[in-house]
Amino acid sequence: MAARIEDLIVVPAAAVRQPVTCPPGPVETSRLAGAYAIGMETMMTSSHRNPGVASVLSLLVPGVGQFYNGDFLRGLFWLIVTPGLWIGSGGLLGWICHLIAAVTAYRRAELKNRNPYL
């Protein structure tokens, strides 16, 4: 008796999708739709980033706004580059880096709000 590949693969019970059945009737269906809408709203707001907050954070400390947006490598870049330019240029390029970091944090937050898969 040969073993089938389906018998060898172990799938956790939580990973198996069960068919969703909607109860009949307009009241029950509207409750399900309302619950679905609340769930979608929660999912949308959990990944929503405020561009103003990201910009102010990055203006105060370059890179923190990028961390707020979830862009950790970009934040690390600004945390390393900005102090180097503050010291290397006597302060002039440090201010420019602060402004650029704030603008990029603002734009990335807007972009991530439009496309949450970034």
N, C-alpha and C. Protein backbone atom coordinates (compact mmCIF):
# COMPACT_ATOMS: atom_id res chain seq x y z
N MET A 1 0.84 -1.17 0.00
CA MET A 1 0.00 0.00 0.00
C MET A 1 0.89 1.24 0.00
N ALA A 2 0.80 2.03 -1.03
CA ALA A 2 1.63 3.24 -1.17
C ALA A 2 0.96 4.41 -0.46
N ALA A 3 1.78 5.22 0.20
CA ALA A 3 1.25 6.40 0.90
C ALA A 3 1.06 7.53 -0.09
N ARG A 4 -0.04 8.21 0.03
CA ARG A 4 -0.29 9.37 -0.83
C ARG A 4 0.36 10.59 -0.20
N ILE A 5 0.73 11.54 -1.03
CA ILE A 5 1.36 12.76 -0.56
C ILE A 5 0.43 13.56 0.35
N GLU A 6 -0.88 13.50 0.10
CA GLU A 6 -1.85 14.20 0.93
C GLU A 6 -1.87 13.65 2.35
N ASP A 7 -1.57 12.37 2.50
CA ASP A 7 -1.56 11.75 3.82
C ASP A 7 -0.31 12.14 4.60
N LEU A 8 0.75 12.52 3.92
CA LEU A 8 2.00 12.86 4.59
C LEU A 8 2.07 14.32 5.02
N ILE A 9 1.29 15.18 4.41
CA ILE A 9 1.33 16.60 4.73
C ILE A 9 0.41 16.87 5.92
N VAL A 10 0.96 17.48 6.95
CA VAL A 10 0.18 17.81 8.13
C VAL A 10 -0.16 19.29 8.09
N VAL A 11 -1.44 19.60 8.11
CA VAL A 11 -1.91 20.98 8.06
C VAL A 11 -2.62 21.27 9.38
N PRO A 12 -2.20 22.35 10.09
CA PRO A 12 -2.91 22.68 11.34
C PRO A 12 -4.37 22.99 11.07
N ALA A 13 -5.21 22.67 12.04
CA ALA A 13 -6.65 22.87 11.87
C ALA A 13 -6.99 24.34 11.69
N ALA A 14 -6.20 25.24 12.30
CA ALA A 14 -6.49 26.67 12.17
C ALA A 14 -6.22 27.17 10.76
N ALA A 15 -5.36 26.48 10.02
CA ALA A 15 -5.02 26.93 8.67
C ALA A 15 -6.04 26.50 7.62
N VAL A 16 -6.89 25.57 7.95
CA VAL A 16 -7.87 25.07 7.00
C VAL A 16 -9.05 26.03 6.99
N ARG A 17 -9.39 26.54 5.85
CA ARG A 17 -10.52 27.48 5.72
C ARG A 17 -11.83 26.71 5.72
N GLN A 18 -12.72 27.18 6.54
CA GLN A 18 -14.04 26.60 6.59
C GLN A 18 -14.97 27.46 5.74
N PRO A 19 -15.92 26.85 5.04
CA PRO A 19 -16.84 27.66 4.24
C PRO A 19 -17.71 28.52 5.15
N VAL A 20 -17.94 29.75 4.72
CA VAL A 20 -18.76 30.68 5.48
C VAL A 20 -20.19 30.56 4.99
N THR A 21 -21.08 30.35 5.91
CA THR A 21 -22.49 30.27 5.55
C THR A 21 -23.20 31.45 6.18
N CYS A 22 -23.97 32.13 5.42
CA CYS A 22 -24.74 33.27 5.90
C CYS A 22 -26.14 32.80 6.25
N PRO A 23 -26.62 33.19 7.42
CA PRO A 23 -27.99 32.81 7.75
C PRO A 23 -28.97 33.55 6.86
N PRO A 24 -30.09 32.95 6.57
CA PRO A 24 -31.06 33.61 5.68
C PRO A 24 -31.73 34.77 6.40
N GLY A 25 -32.23 35.69 5.61
CA GLY A 25 -33.00 36.80 6.17
C GLY A 25 -32.22 38.10 6.11
N PRO A 26 -32.93 39.21 5.92
CA PRO A 26 -32.26 40.49 5.77
C PRO A 26 -31.61 41.00 7.05
N VAL A 27 -32.16 40.68 8.23
CA VAL A 27 -31.62 41.20 9.48
C VAL A 27 -30.26 40.57 9.76
N GLU A 28 -30.17 39.26 9.65
CA GLU A 28 -28.92 38.59 9.92
C GLU A 28 -27.84 38.99 8.92
N THR A 29 -28.23 39.13 7.67
CA THR A 29 -27.28 39.52 6.64
C THR A 29 -26.75 40.92 6.89
N SER A 30 -27.62 41.84 7.31
CA SER A 30 -27.16 43.20 7.56
C SER A 30 -26.24 43.23 8.77
N ARG A 31 -26.47 42.39 9.76
CA ARG A 31 -25.56 42.32 10.90
C ARG A 31 -24.19 41.83 10.47
N LEU A 32 -24.18 40.84 9.59
CA LEU A 32 -22.89 40.35 9.09
C LEU A 32 -22.17 41.42 8.29
N ALA A 33 -22.91 42.15 7.48
CA ALA A 33 -22.30 43.21 6.69
C ALA A 33 -21.74 44.30 7.60
N GLY A 34 -22.47 44.63 8.67
CA GLY A 34 -21.99 45.63 9.61
C GLY A 34 -20.73 45.18 10.32
N ALA A 35 -20.70 43.91 10.72
CA ALA A 35 -19.51 43.38 11.38
C ALA A 35 -18.33 43.37 10.42
N TYR A 36 -18.58 43.03 9.17
CA TYR A 36 -17.52 43.04 8.17
C TYR A 36 -16.99 44.45 7.98
N ALA A 37 -17.88 45.43 7.92
CA ALA A 37 -17.45 46.82 7.74
C ALA A 37 -16.63 47.30 8.92
N ILE A 38 -17.02 46.92 10.14
CA ILE A 38 -16.25 47.32 11.32
C ILE A 38 -14.88 46.66 11.29
N GLY A 39 -14.83 45.39 10.91
CA GLY A 39 -13.54 44.71 10.80
C GLY A 39 -12.64 45.35 9.76
N MET A 40 -13.20 45.74 8.63
CA MET A 40 -12.41 46.39 7.58
C MET A 40 -11.91 47.75 8.05
N GLU A 41 -12.76 48.49 8.77
CA GLU A 41 -12.36 49.80 9.26
C GLU A 41 -11.21 49.66 10.25
N THR A 42 -11.28 48.67 11.13
CA THR A 42 -10.21 48.44 12.08
C THR A 42 -8.92 48.08 11.36
N MET A 43 -9.03 47.24 10.34
CA MET A 43 -7.86 46.84 9.59
C MET A 43 -7.25 48.03 8.86
N MET A 44 -8.08 48.90 8.30
CA MET A 44 -7.57 50.05 7.57
C MET A 44 -6.89 51.04 8.50
N THR A 45 -7.47 51.30 9.68
CA THR A 45 -6.90 52.30 10.57
C THR A 45 -5.68 51.78 11.31
N SER A 46 -5.50 50.48 11.43
CA SER A 46 -4.36 49.97 12.16
C SER A 46 -3.05 50.23 11.41
N SER A 47 -3.07 50.30 10.10
CA SER A 47 -1.85 50.55 9.34
C SER A 47 -1.78 51.98 8.82
N HIS A 48 -2.77 52.81 9.18
CA HIS A 48 -2.80 54.20 8.72
C HIS A 48 -1.75 55.01 9.47
N ARG A 49 -0.97 55.78 8.75
CA ARG A 49 0.05 56.64 9.34
C ARG A 49 -0.29 58.08 9.04
N ASN A 50 -0.21 58.92 10.05
CA ASN A 50 -0.50 60.34 9.90
C ASN A 50 0.74 61.02 9.31
N PRO A 51 0.64 61.59 8.11
CA PRO A 51 1.80 62.23 7.49
C PRO A 51 2.34 63.41 8.31
N GLY A 52 1.45 64.16 8.97
CA GLY A 52 1.90 65.29 9.78
C GLY A 52 2.75 64.84 10.96
N VAL A 53 2.34 63.78 11.62
CA VAL A 53 3.12 63.25 12.74
C VAL A 53 4.47 62.75 12.25
N ALA A 54 4.47 62.03 11.14
CA ALA A 54 5.73 61.52 10.58
C ALA A 54 6.67 62.67 10.24
N SER A 55 6.12 63.74 9.68
CA SER A 55 6.94 64.89 9.30
C SER A 55 7.53 65.59 10.52
N VAL A 56 6.72 65.82 11.53
CA VAL A 56 7.21 66.52 12.73
C VAL A 56 8.24 65.67 13.46
N LEU A 57 7.99 64.37 13.57
CA LEU A 57 8.97 63.50 14.21
C LEU A 57 10.31 63.53 13.49
N SER A 58 10.25 63.51 12.18
CA SER A 58 11.49 63.50 11.40
C SER A 58 12.15 64.87 11.38
N LEU A 59 11.37 65.92 11.59
CA LEU A 59 11.95 67.26 11.67
C LEU A 59 12.69 67.43 13.00
N LEU A 60 12.14 66.87 14.07
CA LEU A 60 12.80 66.96 15.37
C LEU A 60 14.07 66.10 15.41
N VAL A 61 13.93 64.85 15.03
CA VAL A 61 15.08 63.92 14.98
C VAL A 61 15.00 63.19 13.65
N PRO A 62 15.87 63.53 12.71
CA PRO A 62 15.81 62.90 11.39
C PRO A 62 15.90 61.37 11.50
N GLY A 63 14.94 60.71 10.87
CA GLY A 63 14.89 59.26 10.88
C GLY A 63 13.76 58.71 11.73
N VAL A 64 13.32 59.46 12.75
CA VAL A 64 12.26 58.95 13.62
C VAL A 64 10.93 58.90 12.87
N GLY A 65 10.68 59.85 11.99
CA GLY A 65 9.47 59.81 11.17
C GLY A 65 9.47 58.61 10.24
N GLN A 66 10.63 58.24 9.74
CA GLN A 66 10.73 57.05 8.90
C GLN A 66 10.47 55.78 9.73
N PHE A 67 10.98 55.76 10.98
CA PHE A 67 10.69 54.63 11.86
C PHE A 67 9.19 54.54 12.12
N TYR A 68 8.54 55.68 12.32
CA TYR A 68 7.09 55.73 12.55
C TYR A 68 6.35 55.13 11.35
N ASN A 69 6.86 55.38 10.16
CA ASN A 69 6.23 54.84 8.94
C ASN A 69 6.56 53.37 8.72
N GLY A 70 7.51 52.82 9.45
CA GLY A 70 7.90 51.43 9.25
C GLY A 70 9.07 51.27 8.30
N ASP A 71 9.68 52.37 7.87
CA ASP A 71 10.84 52.33 6.98
C ASP A 71 12.12 52.37 7.83
N PHE A 72 12.52 51.22 8.36
CA PHE A 72 13.62 51.20 9.31
C PHE A 72 14.97 51.49 8.68
N LEU A 73 15.22 51.00 7.48
CA LEU A 73 16.51 51.28 6.84
C LEU A 73 16.62 52.75 6.44
N ARG A 74 15.53 53.33 5.98
CA ARG A 74 15.54 54.76 5.65
C ARG A 74 15.78 55.60 6.90
N GLY A 75 15.14 55.20 8.00
CA GLY A 75 15.33 55.92 9.26
C GLY A 75 16.76 55.83 9.75
N LEU A 76 17.33 54.66 9.63
CA LEU A 76 18.73 54.47 10.04
C LEU A 76 19.66 55.32 9.16
N PHE A 77 19.36 55.39 7.88
CA PHE A 77 20.14 56.23 6.96
C PHE A 77 20.15 57.68 7.44
N TRP A 78 18.94 58.23 7.72
CA TRP A 78 18.87 59.63 8.13
C TRP A 78 19.50 59.86 9.50
N LEU A 79 19.41 58.88 10.40
CA LEU A 79 20.04 59.02 11.71
C LEU A 79 21.57 59.05 11.61
N ILE A 80 22.12 58.40 10.62
CA ILE A 80 23.58 58.36 10.47
C ILE A 80 24.07 59.54 9.63
N VAL A 81 23.40 59.85 8.53
CA VAL A 81 23.88 60.87 7.60
C VAL A 81 23.75 62.29 8.16
N THR A 82 22.63 62.58 8.82
CA THR A 82 22.38 63.95 9.26
C THR A 82 23.43 64.45 10.26
N PRO A 83 23.77 63.71 11.31
CA PRO A 83 24.83 64.23 12.20
C PRO A 83 26.17 64.40 11.50
N GLY A 84 26.45 63.50 10.56
CA GLY A 84 27.70 63.64 9.81
C GLY A 84 27.74 64.92 9.00
N LEU A 85 26.62 65.28 8.40
CA LEU A 85 26.58 66.52 7.64
C LEU A 85 26.52 67.75 8.54
N TRP A 86 25.92 67.62 9.72
CA TRP A 86 25.95 68.73 10.68
C TRP A 86 27.40 69.04 11.05
N ILE A 87 28.17 68.02 11.36
CA ILE A 87 29.55 68.21 11.79
C ILE A 87 30.43 68.60 10.61
N GLY A 88 30.26 67.92 9.48
CA GLY A 88 31.13 68.14 8.34
C GLY A 88 30.94 69.49 7.66
N SER A 89 29.75 70.07 7.72
CA SER A 89 29.52 71.32 7.01
C SER A 89 29.34 72.52 7.94
N GLY A 90 29.52 72.31 9.22
CA GLY A 90 29.35 73.41 10.15
C GLY A 90 27.89 73.76 10.39
N GLY A 91 26.98 72.88 10.07
CA GLY A 91 25.58 73.09 10.37
C GLY A 91 24.69 73.37 9.18
N LEU A 92 25.23 73.89 8.09
CA LEU A 92 24.38 74.26 6.95
C LEU A 92 23.67 73.05 6.34
N LEU A 93 24.42 72.01 6.04
CA LEU A 93 23.80 70.83 5.41
C LEU A 93 22.97 70.02 6.40
N GLY A 94 23.21 70.21 7.69
CA GLY A 94 22.39 69.54 8.69
C GLY A 94 20.95 70.01 8.64
N TRP A 95 20.76 71.33 8.48
CA TRP A 95 19.39 71.86 8.37
C TRP A 95 18.71 71.36 7.11
N ILE A 96 19.47 71.28 6.05
CA ILE A 96 18.90 70.78 4.79
C ILE A 96 18.48 69.32 4.95
N CYS A 97 19.30 68.52 5.65
CA CYS A 97 18.95 67.12 5.89
C CYS A 97 17.70 67.01 6.76
N HIS A 98 17.55 67.87 7.76
CA HIS A 98 16.35 67.85 8.58
C HIS A 98 15.11 68.08 7.71
N LEU A 99 15.18 69.06 6.83
CA LEU A 99 14.03 69.37 5.98
C LEU A 99 13.74 68.24 4.99
N ILE A 100 14.78 67.70 4.39
CA ILE A 100 14.58 66.61 3.43
C ILE A 100 14.01 65.37 4.12
N ALA A 101 14.51 65.07 5.31
CA ALA A 101 14.00 63.91 6.06
C ALA A 101 12.52 64.10 6.41
N ALA A 102 12.15 65.33 6.79
CA ALA A 102 10.75 65.60 7.13
C ALA A 102 9.84 65.47 5.91
N VAL A 103 10.29 66.00 4.78
CA VAL A 103 9.47 65.93 3.56
C VAL A 103 9.34 64.49 3.09
N THR A 104 10.42 63.72 3.13
CA THR A 104 10.33 62.33 2.68
C THR A 104 9.48 61.50 3.63
N ALA A 105 9.52 61.78 4.93
CA ALA A 105 8.67 61.05 5.88
C ALA A 105 7.20 61.35 5.59
N TYR A 106 6.89 62.62 5.29
CA TYR A 106 5.51 63.01 4.96
C TYR A 106 5.03 62.29 3.70
N ARG A 107 5.86 62.32 2.66
CA ARG A 107 5.46 61.70 1.39
C ARG A 107 5.34 60.19 1.49
N ARG A 108 6.24 59.54 2.24
CA ARG A 108 6.16 58.08 2.40
C ARG A 108 4.91 57.68 3.19
N ALA A 109 4.53 58.50 4.19
CA ALA A 109 3.32 58.20 4.94
C ALA A 109 2.09 58.30 4.03
N GLU A 110 2.04 59.33 3.20
CA GLU A 110 0.93 59.45 2.25
C GLU A 110 0.91 58.28 1.28
N LEU A 111 2.07 57.91 0.78
CA LEU A 111 2.17 56.80 -0.18
C LEU A 111 1.74 55.48 0.46
N LYS A 112 2.17 55.25 1.70
CA LYS A 112 1.78 54.01 2.39
C LYS A 112 0.31 53.99 2.73
N ASN A 113 -0.29 55.15 2.96
CA ASN A 113 -1.73 55.19 3.22
C ASN A 113 -2.52 54.86 1.97
N ARG A 114 -2.00 55.26 0.81
CA ARG A 114 -2.68 54.94 -0.45
C ARG A 114 -2.49 53.49 -0.84
N ASN A 115 -1.29 52.95 -0.59
CA ASN A 115 -0.97 51.57 -0.94
C ASN A 115 -0.36 50.88 0.29
N PRO A 116 -1.18 50.21 1.10
CA PRO A 116 -0.66 49.62 2.35
C PRO A 116 0.31 48.45 2.15
N TYR A 117 0.49 48.00 0.92
CA TYR A 117 1.39 46.87 0.67
C TYR A 117 2.83 47.31 0.46
N LEU A 118 3.12 48.59 0.60
CA LEU A 118 4.50 49.07 0.46
C LEU A 118 5.26 48.92 1.74
